[in-house]
Structure formats: C-alpha cells, structure tokens
Amino acid sequence: MAEHRSVVVIGAGFTGLAAAQKLKDAGVDFVLLEARNRVGGRVESRLNGLGERVDTGGQFLCDDMPELLALVKANSKRLVETRFDGRPLSQPPLPDAEIERSYAAAMAIRDRMNELSPDAPSVLGLTVADWLALQPDSAMAKAGFRSMIEGLWCLALEDVPAWYLISNDRRVTNEATELQYSVEGTMHELAEDLASDLGDRVLLETAVRRIEHGKDGLRVIASVAAPPPLTPLHKGEGDSTTTPQRYKAGDSERNGNVGVSLPLVGREQGWGYAAVGLDEDSADEREILTIDASAVLVCLPQRTAEKHDVSPACRRKSAARWASGAAARS
C-alpha cells in the first residue's frame, strides 16, 4: 500500500531542509527523503585528530548570502568573522613571495577563462580540467588554479564543465568575500537543528529510485536502506559530480495548492545537493517505500534527477526543481 502525502521533498541538504521548514510553517503535509544516513548534503562535519568536530565542506558564508544568514539567525547561531591578517601559508611550504606569484598566476588563468563566452566553441564539451590542460601556463600556475577552483566548488576540475564555471563567474556580484564568516561550532550543526525541528518527517537512508506521473498525481518509489558509501575525492566529500541547474530569485511554479518561490542561497553557488546513489541491482533486496503525492520537490542537481527516471515531462507537470535555496507558502 502506498502512503499519501501532499508533498514529497527529495534531498536533505540545505535546499531540502529549508523547503521542508517552509512547508511545515505553512501547515502542509510532507515527508523529506534523504538517501544518506545524515542530513546536510555537501555541508558536513567530521572529527579531526584531536577529537574536535570541524566542518569539512560548505562552512563559509558572507553578507551576500541573505537567505543563509537568515537561517543562521533564526536558529540562534553565532557568526565568527574570519581573520585575514597574518602570513599566507601553503602546502608544501613556500616563501611568501612565491605564494603571491602563484596566486597571481592562478588568477590570471581564471581571468583568461572568464574572457570567454560560455557558448564559445573552444570550450564546447570540455571540462575545466580539459581546458586547463590546453593552456600554456606553468605547472605552478595550473596547480594554483586547480587548488583555487576545487577549494571553492568542492568538486574536482574533471567534474566541472568549462562553460558552467564561466557562466557562474559572470553571475558573481557579491561585494563581500565569501570567506567572511563561519558559524560558531559547525555549519553542519545548523543542518542538524533544522532536521531536528522537522522530527519524524525526515526519513534517512531512503533512496529514491524513480518518480512516476499518473492521472491522479505523483508516485515516488524509494528503497529504504543506506546507499553505498561515497569516497571523498576532494573537500566537501564530493557528494555530487553533476552540474546543478540554477534558478533566479523570484522564479516560481504552482504545485497543487502550494505556491513555491525559489530564492537563492549563497549567491547562486548552491548548498546541500543531495545524492540519490542507488544501484538498481541492489534495490531488489531493499524494502520498497511507495508514496503518492500531489507535488514533489526534487532538491537535486538536474542531471542527478534525470539519472533516476525523473523525466522532463514529469518534472514539468509535478514540481519545482530546486537548485539552491527554497521557500514555500500556502
């Protein structure tokens, strides 16, 4: 027998958590499904060698991220301002002058890339790693560029399309450095607090297999079990290696009786992409959960959703696809 919910939210990163909170505030019946055994998406934390819990992805924010700042304030978290004074450090250790030269060389590569159009034939079909390999710069400059971009995006250059990085950089309008603040404790605690407020409407280790569209509404098919562990290739655990679709603030769609608006978190860089990594072969041995709903909010990158049978027709008819930030109102 299928369960019945007004709305199913898929993905318990910051996108899904914020969407679920708005649905709760509006009195809408919903359930939030997350494939992993924790919430937070790419915002995560781990114990370091001293036994201290530290953020390992998505820990910084700035004044140009009003939605995220509002979440921090609403949950009584204290901001810690980042200090930028002191000597620059590098690994392996380098003299200050060489660090400055490396940074300048890396920025020169980034500026050159941003002179291109996202539609330029020279970047068609290339990842950032492919494009970088074609550049005449020194190994030091390329290493600095790689460190810079992977540190900002929490993704390997091999997983970022060149056109997408160019397009994103053109949309960056923030005046404050994105490293302006961190949250006292960890940013991941904020995700856990949001989930705690949602109670038993958050289902972990529940991996969505597909979304079906019928004449009477939507049906979500999920497997209740932990997906295979994801190997961290770089900062942020790399829970998504796909390119997210972006929405501009104020975009909206009508989903049944729930109006959905899509403000951005993190000046369009996005927070909390959830992974749905489920192997169809192993799914047969898992408990199957079926939920009928009036609307589905897929808080995943577009290409991840497509891989799991969320067809374009289903997405158009069923629900908003939220790439970063989320709000719903009755």
Protein backbone atom coordinates (compact mmCIF):
# COMPACT_ATOMS: atom_id res chain seq x y z
CA MET A 1 0.00 0.00 0.00
CA ALA A 2 1.20 3.49 -0.81
CA GLU A 3 1.46 6.22 1.78
CA HIS A 4 -0.20 9.53 0.98
CA ARG A 5 1.43 12.95 1.42
CA SER A 6 0.68 16.36 -0.02
CA VAL A 7 4.34 16.98 -0.83
CA VAL A 8 7.44 14.79 -1.02
CA VAL A 9 10.77 16.61 -0.68
CA ILE A 10 13.75 14.69 -2.07
CA GLY A 11 17.18 15.54 -0.65
CA ALA A 12 18.01 16.73 2.88
CA GLY A 13 20.71 19.21 2.03
CA PHE A 14 20.11 22.84 2.94
CA THR A 15 17.79 23.15 -0.05
CA GLY A 16 15.52 20.34 1.05
CA LEU A 17 15.70 21.26 4.73
CA ALA A 18 14.75 24.88 4.05
CA ALA A 19 11.92 23.78 1.75
CA ALA A 20 10.62 21.35 4.35
CA GLN A 21 10.74 24.01 7.06
CA LYS A 22 8.63 26.36 4.94
CA LEU A 23 6.14 23.59 4.24
CA LYS A 24 5.93 22.85 7.97
CA ASP A 25 5.38 26.52 8.77
CA ALA A 26 2.61 26.63 6.14
CA GLY A 27 0.89 23.61 7.65
CA VAL A 28 1.44 21.46 4.55
CA ASP A 29 1.63 17.67 4.98
CA PHE A 30 5.02 16.48 3.69
CA VAL A 31 7.83 13.97 4.06
CA LEU A 32 11.55 14.59 3.40
CA LEU A 33 13.57 11.72 1.90
CA GLU A 34 17.37 11.51 2.11
CA ALA A 35 19.49 8.72 0.63
CA ARG A 36 22.32 9.06 3.13
CA ASN A 37 22.38 8.38 6.85
CA ARG A 38 22.77 12.08 7.69
CA VAL A 39 21.39 15.45 6.65
CA GLY A 40 23.33 18.43 5.31
CA GLY A 41 24.29 17.36 1.79
CA ARG A 42 27.62 18.89 0.91
CA VAL A 43 27.67 20.68 4.27
CA GLU A 44 29.24 18.12 6.57
CA SER A 45 31.48 17.77 9.61
CA ARG A 46 33.96 15.22 10.94
CA LEU A 47 36.18 14.65 13.95
CA ASN A 48 39.78 15.78 13.48
CA GLY A 49 42.82 14.11 15.01
CA LEU A 50 42.25 15.99 18.29
CA GLY A 51 38.71 14.72 18.62
CA GLU A 52 37.23 18.13 17.72
CA ARG A 53 34.26 18.31 15.36
CA VAL A 54 35.06 20.59 12.42
CA ASP A 55 33.28 21.46 9.18
CA THR A 56 34.67 19.79 6.08
CA GLY A 57 32.50 21.41 3.43
CA GLY A 58 30.30 24.46 2.97
CA GLN A 59 31.39 26.16 6.17
CA PHE A 60 31.77 29.77 4.99
CA LEU A 61 29.18 32.44 4.26
CA CYS A 62 29.03 36.20 3.74
CA ASP A 63 26.71 39.22 3.76
CA ASP A 64 25.74 38.49 0.14
CA MET A 65 24.02 35.25 1.26
CA PRO A 66 20.93 36.71 2.98
CA GLU A 67 18.83 33.54 2.97
CA LEU A 68 21.58 31.53 4.64
CA LEU A 69 22.26 34.33 7.13
CA ALA A 70 18.55 34.37 7.96
CA LEU A 71 18.66 30.63 8.71
CA VAL A 72 21.68 31.15 10.96
CA LYS A 73 19.94 33.97 12.86
CA ALA A 74 16.61 32.15 13.14
CA ASN A 75 18.38 29.20 14.74
CA SER A 76 20.35 31.36 17.21
CA LYS A 77 23.75 30.51 15.76
CA ARG A 78 26.65 32.93 16.27
CA LEU A 79 28.75 34.13 13.36
CA VAL A 80 32.52 34.18 13.66
CA GLU A 81 34.30 36.70 11.45
CA THR A 82 37.23 35.33 9.51
CA ARG A 83 40.60 36.98 10.13
CA PHE A 84 42.72 37.68 7.09
CA ASP A 85 45.73 39.28 8.75
CA GLY A 86 48.98 37.38 9.17
CA ARG A 87 51.25 35.49 6.80
CA PRO A 88 49.94 33.42 3.90
CA LEU A 89 50.53 29.68 4.25
CA SER A 90 50.80 26.95 1.66
CA GLN A 91 51.29 23.21 1.42
CA PRO A 92 54.03 22.39 0.72
CA PRO A 93 55.55 25.44 2.48
CA LEU A 94 56.72 28.19 0.13
CA PRO A 95 58.27 31.65 0.64
CA ASP A 96 55.73 34.47 0.87
CA ALA A 97 56.84 35.97 -2.44
CA GLU A 98 56.37 32.66 -4.25
CA ILE A 99 52.89 32.22 -2.73
CA GLU A 100 51.94 35.66 -4.05
CA ARG A 101 53.30 34.84 -7.51
CA SER A 102 51.41 31.54 -7.55
CA TYR A 103 48.16 33.26 -6.59
CA ALA A 104 48.62 35.96 -9.22
CA ALA A 105 49.35 33.32 -11.88
CA ALA A 106 46.26 31.33 -10.89
CA MET A 107 44.08 34.45 -11.05
CA ALA A 108 45.49 35.25 -14.49
CA ILE A 109 44.24 31.85 -15.71
CA ARG A 110 40.84 32.47 -14.16
CA ASP A 111 40.60 35.94 -15.73
CA ARG A 112 41.54 34.49 -19.12
CA MET A 113 38.85 31.84 -18.82
CA ASN A 114 36.26 34.45 -17.88
CA GLU A 115 37.01 36.40 -21.07
CA LEU A 116 35.44 33.51 -22.98
CA SER A 117 31.72 33.13 -23.63
CA PRO A 118 30.02 30.07 -22.11
CA ASP A 119 28.94 29.29 -25.69
CA ALA A 120 32.44 29.60 -27.16
CA PRO A 121 33.32 26.67 -29.47
CA SER A 122 36.69 26.41 -27.73
CA VAL A 123 35.03 25.17 -24.50
CA LEU A 124 32.28 23.08 -26.05
CA GLY A 125 32.27 19.64 -24.43
CA LEU A 126 35.31 20.39 -22.27
CA THR A 127 35.64 20.10 -18.52
CA VAL A 128 37.66 22.72 -16.67
CA ALA A 129 40.46 20.14 -16.41
CA ASP A 130 40.39 19.63 -20.21
CA TRP A 131 40.57 23.37 -20.83
CA LEU A 132 43.34 23.86 -18.28
CA ALA A 133 45.48 21.17 -19.93
CA LEU A 134 45.41 23.19 -23.17
CA GLN A 135 46.75 26.37 -21.54
CA PRO A 136 50.42 27.40 -21.87
CA ASP A 137 50.90 28.30 -18.19
CA SER A 138 53.47 26.83 -15.84
CA ALA A 139 52.77 23.79 -13.69
CA MET A 140 52.84 26.07 -10.62
CA ALA A 141 50.16 28.36 -12.08
CA LYS A 142 47.96 25.44 -13.08
CA ALA A 143 48.31 23.83 -9.66
CA GLY A 144 47.30 27.10 -8.02
CA PHE A 145 44.29 27.43 -10.31
CA ARG A 146 43.22 23.87 -9.59
CA SER A 147 43.54 24.40 -5.83
CA MET A 148 41.54 27.64 -6.04
CA ILE A 149 38.63 26.27 -8.06
CA GLU A 150 38.38 22.92 -6.31
CA GLY A 151 38.50 24.67 -2.94
CA LEU A 152 35.64 26.97 -3.94
CA TRP A 153 33.48 24.36 -5.63
CA CYS A 154 34.19 21.22 -3.59
CA LEU A 155 34.42 19.41 -6.92
CA ALA A 156 37.31 18.07 -8.98
CA LEU A 157 38.02 20.06 -12.15
CA GLU A 158 37.28 16.89 -14.10
CA ASP A 159 33.67 17.12 -12.87
CA VAL A 160 33.00 20.79 -13.71
CA PRO A 161 32.05 21.74 -17.30
CA ALA A 162 34.11 24.68 -18.53
CA TRP A 163 31.04 26.54 -19.79
CA TYR A 164 29.42 26.25 -16.38
CA LEU A 165 32.33 27.75 -14.45
CA ILE A 166 32.49 30.63 -16.94
CA SER A 167 28.75 31.19 -16.68
CA ASN A 168 28.79 31.13 -12.89
CA ASP A 169 31.70 33.54 -12.54
CA ARG A 170 29.84 36.01 -14.74
CA ARG A 171 26.91 35.90 -12.31
CA VAL A 172 29.04 36.57 -9.23
CA THR A 173 28.08 40.02 -7.99
CA ASN A 174 28.94 39.74 -4.28
CA GLU A 175 30.90 42.58 -2.75
CA ALA A 176 31.92 40.72 0.41
CA THR A 177 34.39 37.86 0.35
CA GLU A 178 32.61 34.53 0.57
CA LEU A 179 35.01 33.58 3.39
CA GLN A 180 33.68 36.46 5.52
CA TYR A 181 32.08 34.34 8.28
CA SER A 182 31.87 30.85 9.67
CA VAL A 183 29.39 29.56 12.25
CA GLU A 184 30.50 29.00 15.84
CA GLY A 185 30.64 25.27 16.34
CA THR A 186 29.94 23.91 12.85
CA MET A 187 27.69 24.82 9.96
CA HIS A 188 26.59 21.19 9.95
CA GLU A 189 25.02 21.72 13.38
CA LEU A 190 22.63 24.14 11.68
CA ALA A 191 21.54 21.41 9.26
CA GLU A 192 21.04 19.02 12.16
CA ASP A 193 18.99 21.62 14.05
CA LEU A 194 16.74 22.16 11.03
CA ALA A 195 16.23 18.41 10.69
CA SER A 196 15.52 18.02 14.40
CA ASP A 197 12.73 20.58 14.14
CA LEU A 198 11.13 18.51 11.38
CA GLY A 199 11.00 15.40 13.58
CA ASP A 200 9.91 12.08 12.09
CA ARG A 201 9.06 13.66 8.75
CA VAL A 202 12.74 13.25 7.81
CA LEU A 203 13.48 9.74 6.52
CA LEU A 204 17.18 8.93 6.21
CA GLU A 205 18.67 6.05 4.24
CA THR A 206 15.73 6.32 1.86
CA ALA A 207 17.00 6.43 -1.70
CA VAL A 208 14.56 7.48 -4.42
CA ARG A 209 14.52 5.16 -7.43
CA ARG A 210 12.04 6.99 -9.64
CA ILE A 211 9.10 9.38 -9.77
CA GLU A 212 6.04 8.39 -11.77
CA HIS A 213 3.34 10.73 -13.07
CA GLY A 214 -0.20 9.49 -13.38
CA LYS A 215 -3.63 10.95 -13.95
CA ASP A 216 -4.29 11.04 -10.19
CA GLY A 217 -0.99 12.63 -9.17
CA LEU A 218 2.56 11.55 -8.48
CA ARG A 219 4.11 8.39 -7.10
CA VAL A 220 7.58 8.28 -5.53
CA ILE A 221 9.30 4.88 -5.40
CA ALA A 222 12.14 4.66 -2.87
CA SER A 223 14.32 1.99 -1.27
CA VAL A 224 14.79 2.14 2.49
CA ALA A 225 18.45 1.31 3.14
CA ALA A 226 21.78 3.11 3.21
CA PRO A 227 23.33 3.64 -0.23
CA PRO A 228 26.96 2.62 -0.83
CA PRO A 229 29.47 4.97 0.87
CA LEU A 230 30.73 7.84 -1.25
CA THR A 231 34.50 8.22 -1.44
CA PRO A 232 35.66 11.80 -0.77
CA LEU A 233 37.91 12.83 -3.65
CA HIS A 234 38.29 16.41 -2.50
CA LYS A 235 36.99 18.93 0.01
CA GLY A 236 33.29 18.63 0.71
CA GLU A 237 33.07 14.85 0.21
CA GLY A 238 32.04 15.27 -3.43
CA ASP A 239 28.52 14.01 -2.95
CA SER A 240 27.55 15.26 -6.37
CA THR A 241 29.56 15.23 -9.57
CA THR A 242 26.90 16.77 -11.73
CA THR A 243 26.19 20.30 -12.80
CA PRO A 244 23.23 21.86 -10.97
CA GLN A 245 20.63 23.87 -12.81
CA ARG A 246 20.25 27.36 -11.37
CA TYR A 247 17.18 29.45 -10.76
CA LYS A 248 16.97 33.19 -10.28
CA ALA A 249 15.38 34.65 -7.18
CA GLY A 250 11.64 35.00 -7.56
CA ASP A 251 11.12 32.17 -10.06
CA SER A 252 8.08 30.17 -9.07
CA GLU A 253 5.77 27.38 -10.12
CA ARG A 254 2.33 26.41 -8.90
CA ASN A 255 2.19 22.92 -7.37
CA GLY A 256 -1.35 21.99 -6.45
CA ASN A 257 -2.34 24.30 -3.61
CA VAL A 258 1.24 25.19 -2.68
CA GLY A 259 2.95 28.17 -4.28
CA VAL A 260 6.72 27.74 -4.43
CA SER A 261 9.28 30.51 -4.75
CA LEU A 262 12.98 29.91 -5.27
CA PRO A 263 15.30 32.43 -3.58
CA LEU A 264 18.99 31.69 -3.82
CA VAL A 265 21.28 30.62 -1.02
CA GLY A 266 24.93 31.51 -1.38
CA ARG A 267 24.84 33.90 -4.37
CA GLU A 268 23.88 31.13 -6.78
CA GLN A 269 26.64 28.78 -5.70
CA GLY A 270 24.14 26.47 -4.03
CA TRP A 271 24.07 24.48 -0.82
CA GLY A 272 23.25 20.95 0.12
CA TYR A 273 22.96 18.95 -3.08
CA ALA A 274 21.71 15.53 -2.07
CA ALA A 275 22.89 12.30 -3.67
CA VAL A 276 20.48 9.56 -4.69
CA GLY A 277 23.15 6.92 -5.37
CA LEU A 278 21.18 3.70 -5.68
CA ASP A 279 22.17 0.65 -7.68
CA GLU A 280 19.15 -0.92 -9.38
CA ASP A 281 20.64 -4.42 -8.90
CA SER A 282 20.85 -3.96 -5.15
CA ALA A 283 17.47 -2.27 -4.92
CA ASP A 284 15.62 -5.59 -5.22
CA GLU A 285 16.96 -6.62 -1.81
CA ARG A 286 15.83 -3.43 -0.08
CA GLU A 287 12.50 -2.55 1.45
CA ILE A 288 10.45 -0.55 -1.04
CA LEU A 289 8.59 2.59 0.05
CA THR A 290 5.83 3.96 -2.17
CA ILE A 291 4.39 7.43 -1.58
CA ASP A 292 1.56 9.08 -3.52
CA ALA A 293 1.67 12.89 -3.50
CA SER A 294 0.25 16.00 -5.12
CA ALA A 295 3.69 17.56 -5.60
CA VAL A 296 7.33 16.56 -5.46
CA LEU A 297 10.19 18.95 -4.76
CA VAL A 298 13.38 17.48 -6.20
CA CYS A 299 16.23 19.18 -4.36
CA LEU A 300 18.94 17.65 -6.56
CA PRO A 301 21.11 18.69 -9.48
CA GLN A 302 19.21 18.26 -12.73
CA ARG A 303 21.46 15.56 -14.18
CA THR A 304 21.25 13.53 -10.95
CA ALA A 305 17.46 13.70 -11.13
CA GLU A 306 17.47 12.62 -14.77
CA LYS A 307 19.62 9.58 -13.91
CA HIS A 308 16.88 8.39 -11.59
CA ASP A 309 13.97 8.44 -14.02
CA VAL A 310 12.66 11.89 -13.17
CA SER A 311 11.61 12.55 -16.75
CA PRO A 312 11.36 16.13 -18.13
CA ALA A 313 7.60 15.65 -18.62
CA CYS A 314 7.23 14.51 -15.02
CA ARG A 315 9.30 17.43 -13.76
CA ARG A 316 7.27 19.94 -15.75
CA LYS A 317 3.96 18.58 -14.54
CA SER A 318 4.86 17.66 -11.00
CA ALA A 319 7.07 20.01 -9.09
CA ALA A 320 9.71 22.68 -8.88
CA ARG A 321 13.30 21.53 -9.26
CA TRP A 322 15.18 23.49 -6.66
CA ALA A 323 18.88 24.02 -7.18
CA SER A 324 19.66 26.39 -4.32
CA GLY A 325 17.51 27.93 -1.63
CA ALA A 326 13.86 27.16 -1.17
CA ALA A 327 10.66 28.64 0.22
CA ALA A 328 7.03 27.63 0.02
CA ARG A 329 3.92 29.47 1.03
CA SER A 330 0.31 28.39 1.25
